[in-house]
């Protein structure tokens, strides 16, 4: 197996499809076949209706910025050498909220509700401004 990245948790049977897709530049969410709602982070059941009828679905990769914070100090790997960085929560087009990092712009340029698109850094989904074309 390849050298582990500190950015990516150790995949297990449930999360392996998510991380394998991310390594290929695709973002996955789970969708419930019973109530139809998408959710993120990956779980074996729907957090909305508790059904176990959940499957993987490729996300569009579009999101809006919900909130963010600039992190200036973090002693934990892999963040030690990356500060400052922008930790964020985004609303995916499919509905779920996702914790992530915003890249490709200054924190001063961020605005709640701004359009973002998924990008990938070392097999980890991050988000960047979508620009006018979105």
C-alpha atoms as a PDB file:
ATOM      1  CA  UNK A   1       0.000   0.000   0.000  1.00  0.00           C
ATOM      2  CA  UNK A   2       1.174   3.558  -0.705  1.00  0.00           C
ATOM      3  CA  UNK A   3       2.500   5.786   2.038  1.00  0.00           C
ATOM      4  CA  UNK A   4      -0.383   7.146   4.109  1.00  0.00           C
ATOM      5  CA  UNK A   5      -1.159  10.838   3.918  1.00  0.00           C
ATOM      6  CA  UNK A   6      -1.926  12.549   7.204  1.00  0.00           C
ATOM      7  CA  UNK A   7      -4.684  14.427   5.339  1.00  0.00           C
ATOM      8  CA  UNK A   8      -6.731  11.291   4.717  1.00  0.00           C
ATOM      9  CA  UNK A   9      -8.115   9.130   7.529  1.00  0.00           C
ATOM     10  CA  UNK A  10      -7.423   5.416   7.344  1.00  0.00           C
ATOM     11  CA  UNK A  11     -10.200   4.124   5.042  1.00  0.00           C
ATOM     12  CA  UNK A  12     -12.395   1.306   6.309  1.00  0.00           C
ATOM     13  CA  UNK A  13     -14.920  -0.852   4.439  1.00  0.00           C
ATOM     14  CA  UNK A  14     -17.546   1.914   4.600  1.00  0.00           C
ATOM     15  CA  UNK A  15     -15.378   4.912   3.657  1.00  0.00           C
ATOM     16  CA  UNK A  16     -13.056   3.253   1.117  1.00  0.00           C
ATOM     17  CA  UNK A  17     -15.297   4.122  -1.894  1.00  0.00           C
ATOM     18  CA  UNK A  18     -15.337   7.781  -0.773  1.00  0.00           C
ATOM     19  CA  UNK A  19     -11.538   8.059  -0.531  1.00  0.00           C
ATOM     20  CA  UNK A  20     -10.920   6.056  -3.720  1.00  0.00           C
ATOM     21  CA  UNK A  21     -13.266   8.401  -5.625  1.00  0.00           C
ATOM     22  CA  UNK A  22     -11.584  11.459  -4.092  1.00  0.00           C
ATOM     23  CA  UNK A  23      -8.190  10.151  -5.245  1.00  0.00           C
ATOM     24  CA  UNK A  24      -9.704  10.112  -8.771  1.00  0.00           C
ATOM     25  CA  UNK A  25     -11.056  13.677  -8.431  1.00  0.00           C
ATOM     26  CA  UNK A  26     -14.681  12.739  -7.689  1.00  0.00           C
ATOM     27  CA  UNK A  27     -16.748  13.738  -4.658  1.00  0.00           C
ATOM     28  CA  UNK A  28     -19.271  11.221  -3.333  1.00  0.00           C
ATOM     29  CA  UNK A  29     -22.190  11.608  -0.933  1.00  0.00           C
ATOM     30  CA  UNK A  30     -24.587   8.999   0.437  1.00  0.00           C
ATOM     31  CA  UNK A  31     -28.261   9.102  -0.605  1.00  0.00           C
ATOM     32  CA  UNK A  32     -31.141   7.371   1.156  1.00  0.00           C
ATOM     33  CA  UNK A  33     -33.423   5.232  -0.978  1.00  0.00           C
ATOM     34  CA  UNK A  34     -36.228   5.500   1.598  1.00  0.00           C
ATOM     35  CA  UNK A  35     -36.516   9.279   2.161  1.00  0.00           C
ATOM     36  CA  UNK A  36     -34.410  10.474  -0.796  1.00  0.00           C
ATOM     37  CA  UNK A  37     -32.155  12.797   1.219  1.00  0.00           C
ATOM     38  CA  UNK A  38     -28.393  12.988   0.768  1.00  0.00           C
ATOM     39  CA  UNK A  39     -25.994  13.079   3.712  1.00  0.00           C
ATOM     40  CA  UNK A  40     -22.343  13.560   4.452  1.00  0.00           C
ATOM     41  CA  UNK A  41     -20.184  12.212   6.275  1.00  0.00           C
ATOM     42  CA  UNK A  42     -20.547   8.574   5.171  1.00  0.00           C
ATOM     43  CA  UNK A  43     -22.728   6.440   7.449  1.00  0.00           C
ATOM     44  CA  UNK A  44     -24.288   3.004   7.116  1.00  0.00           C
ATOM     45  CA  UNK A  45     -27.747   4.464   7.793  1.00  0.00           C
ATOM     46  CA  UNK A  46     -29.673   7.603   6.932  1.00  0.00           C
ATOM     47  CA  UNK A  47     -29.377  10.204   9.716  1.00  0.00           C
ATOM     48  CA  UNK A  48     -32.783  11.614   8.684  1.00  0.00           C
ATOM     49  CA  UNK A  49     -35.023   8.504   8.713  1.00  0.00           C
ATOM     50  CA  UNK A  50     -32.644   5.792  10.030  1.00  0.00           C
ATOM     51  CA  UNK A  51     -33.085   3.612   6.939  1.00  0.00           C
ATOM     52  CA  UNK A  52     -30.161   1.388   5.977  1.00  0.00           C
ATOM     53  CA  UNK A  53     -31.137   1.772   2.298  1.00  0.00           C
ATOM     54  CA  UNK A  54     -28.253   4.139   1.476  1.00  0.00           C
ATOM     55  CA  UNK A  55     -26.035   4.185  -1.598  1.00  0.00           C
ATOM     56  CA  UNK A  56     -23.153   6.227  -2.978  1.00  0.00           C
ATOM     57  CA  UNK A  57     -23.849   9.015  -5.462  1.00  0.00           C
ATOM     58  CA  UNK A  58     -21.429  11.307  -7.265  1.00  0.00           C
ATOM     59  CA  UNK A  59     -21.910  14.898  -6.137  1.00  0.00           C
ATOM     60  CA  UNK A  60     -22.002  17.780  -8.599  1.00  0.00           C
ATOM     61  CA  UNK A  61     -19.064  19.420  -6.834  1.00  0.00           C
ATOM     62  CA  UNK A  62     -20.917  22.695  -6.301  1.00  0.00           C
ATOM     63  CA  UNK A  63     -21.380  24.312  -2.905  1.00  0.00           C
ATOM     64  CA  UNK A  64     -22.089  27.597  -1.171  1.00  0.00           C
ATOM     65  CA  UNK A  65     -20.008  28.922   1.681  1.00  0.00           C
ATOM     66  CA  UNK A  66     -21.850  28.716   5.003  1.00  0.00           C
ATOM     67  CA  UNK A  67     -19.140  29.817   7.464  1.00  0.00           C
ATOM     68  CA  UNK A  68     -15.360  29.907   7.799  1.00  0.00           C
ATOM     69  CA  UNK A  69     -12.485  30.703  10.119  1.00  0.00           C
ATOM     70  CA  UNK A  70      -8.836  31.431   9.449  1.00  0.00           C
ATOM     71  CA  UNK A  71      -6.603  29.111  11.447  1.00  0.00           C
ATOM     72  CA  UNK A  72      -3.304  30.757  12.371  1.00  0.00           C
ATOM     73  CA  UNK A  73      -1.882  28.074  14.656  1.00  0.00           C
ATOM     74  CA  UNK A  74      -2.277  24.293  14.576  1.00  0.00           C
ATOM     75  CA  UNK A  75       0.263  21.877  16.049  1.00  0.00           C
ATOM     76  CA  UNK A  76      -1.338  18.743  14.581  1.00  0.00           C
ATOM     77  CA  UNK A  77      -0.154  17.026  11.402  1.00  0.00           C
ATOM     78  CA  UNK A  78      -0.683  17.733   8.557  1.00  0.00           C
ATOM     79  CA  UNK A  79      -1.551  21.331   9.446  1.00  0.00           C
ATOM     80  CA  UNK A  80       1.666  22.404  11.192  1.00  0.00           C
ATOM     81  CA  UNK A  81       3.299  23.794   8.049  1.00  0.00           C
ATOM     82  CA  UNK A  82       0.113  25.057   6.375  1.00  0.00           C
ATOM     83  CA  UNK A  83      -0.971  27.922   8.586  1.00  0.00           C
ATOM     84  CA  UNK A  84      -2.685  30.159   7.968  1.00  0.00           C
ATOM     85  CA  UNK A  85      -5.482  28.227   6.232  1.00  0.00           C
ATOM     86  CA  UNK A  86      -9.228  28.707   5.929  1.00  0.00           C
ATOM     87  CA  UNK A  87     -11.343  26.037   7.604  1.00  0.00           C
ATOM     88  CA  UNK A  88     -14.917  26.153   6.342  1.00  0.00           C
ATOM     89  CA  UNK A  89     -18.352  24.628   6.354  1.00  0.00           C
ATOM     90  CA  UNK A  90     -20.072  24.487   2.966  1.00  0.00           C
ATOM     91  CA  UNK A  91     -23.563  23.548   1.840  1.00  0.00           C
ATOM     92  CA  UNK A  92     -23.291  21.022  -0.984  1.00  0.00           C
ATOM     93  CA  UNK A  93     -25.712  21.391  -3.909  1.00  0.00           C
ATOM     94  CA  UNK A  94     -27.158  17.999  -2.908  1.00  0.00           C
ATOM     95  CA  UNK A  95     -28.117  19.369   0.528  1.00  0.00           C
ATOM     96  CA  UNK A  96     -25.627  18.160   3.137  1.00  0.00           C
ATOM     97  CA  UNK A  97     -23.223  20.408   4.986  1.00  0.00           C
ATOM     98  CA  UNK A  98     -19.550  19.494   4.812  1.00  0.00           C
ATOM     99  CA  UNK A  99     -16.466  20.581   6.757  1.00  0.00           C
ATOM    100  CA  UNK A 100     -13.618  21.417   4.400  1.00  0.00           C
ATOM    101  CA  UNK A 101     -10.962  23.966   3.532  1.00  0.00           C
ATOM    102  CA  UNK A 102     -11.299  26.896   1.128  1.00  0.00           C
ATOM    103  CA  UNK A 103      -8.292  27.424  -1.135  1.00  0.00           C
ATOM    104  CA  UNK A 104      -7.438  29.727  -4.007  1.00  0.00           C
ATOM    105  CA  UNK A 105      -8.487  33.034  -2.449  1.00  0.00           C
ATOM    106  CA  UNK A 106      -7.775  35.295   0.472  1.00  0.00           C
ATOM    107  CA  UNK A 107      -9.960  34.956   3.556  1.00  0.00           C
ATOM    108  CA  UNK A 108     -10.809  38.666   3.244  1.00  0.00           C
ATOM    109  CA  UNK A 109     -12.483  37.911  -0.112  1.00  0.00           C
ATOM    110  CA  UNK A 110     -14.853  35.283   1.321  1.00  0.00           C
ATOM    111  CA  UNK A 111     -18.553  36.093   1.630  1.00  0.00           C
ATOM    112  CA  UNK A 112     -21.271  33.915   3.139  1.00  0.00           C
ATOM    113  CA  UNK A 113     -23.287  32.340   0.340  1.00  0.00           C
ATOM    114  CA  UNK A 114     -20.535  32.627  -2.273  1.00  0.00           C
ATOM    115  CA  UNK A 115     -20.410  29.911  -4.924  1.00  0.00           C
ATOM    116  CA  UNK A 116     -17.658  27.317  -4.583  1.00  0.00           C
ATOM    117  CA  UNK A 117     -16.557  24.269  -6.547  1.00  0.00           C
ATOM    118  CA  UNK A 118     -14.724  21.204  -5.387  1.00  0.00           C
ATOM    119  CA  UNK A 119     -11.009  20.825  -6.016  1.00  0.00           C
ATOM    120  CA  UNK A 120      -8.728  18.079  -4.759  1.00  0.00           C
ATOM    121  CA  UNK A 121      -5.414  18.300  -2.934  1.00  0.00           C
ATOM    122  CA  UNK A 122      -3.564  15.030  -2.368  1.00  0.00           C
ATOM    123  CA  UNK A 123      -6.781  13.029  -2.590  1.00  0.00           C
ATOM    124  CA  UNK A 124      -8.690  15.300  -0.209  1.00  0.00           C
ATOM    125  CA  UNK A 125     -11.666  17.408  -1.311  1.00  0.00           C
ATOM    126  CA  UNK A 126     -11.223  21.140  -0.747  1.00  0.00           C
ATOM    127  CA  UNK A 127     -13.235  23.999  -2.247  1.00  0.00           C
ATOM    128  CA  UNK A 128     -12.318  27.070  -4.275  1.00  0.00           C
ATOM    129  CA  UNK A 129     -14.292  30.031  -5.608  1.00  0.00           C
ATOM    130  CA  UNK A 130     -16.464  28.978  -8.522  1.00  0.00           C
ATOM    131  CA  UNK A 131     -16.095  32.273 -10.346  1.00  0.00           C
ATOM    132  CA  UNK A 132     -18.778  33.987 -12.413  1.00  0.00           C
ATOM    133  CA  UNK A 133     -19.593  30.898 -14.503  1.00  0.00           C
ATOM    134  CA  UNK A 134     -20.074  28.777 -11.312  1.00  0.00           C
END
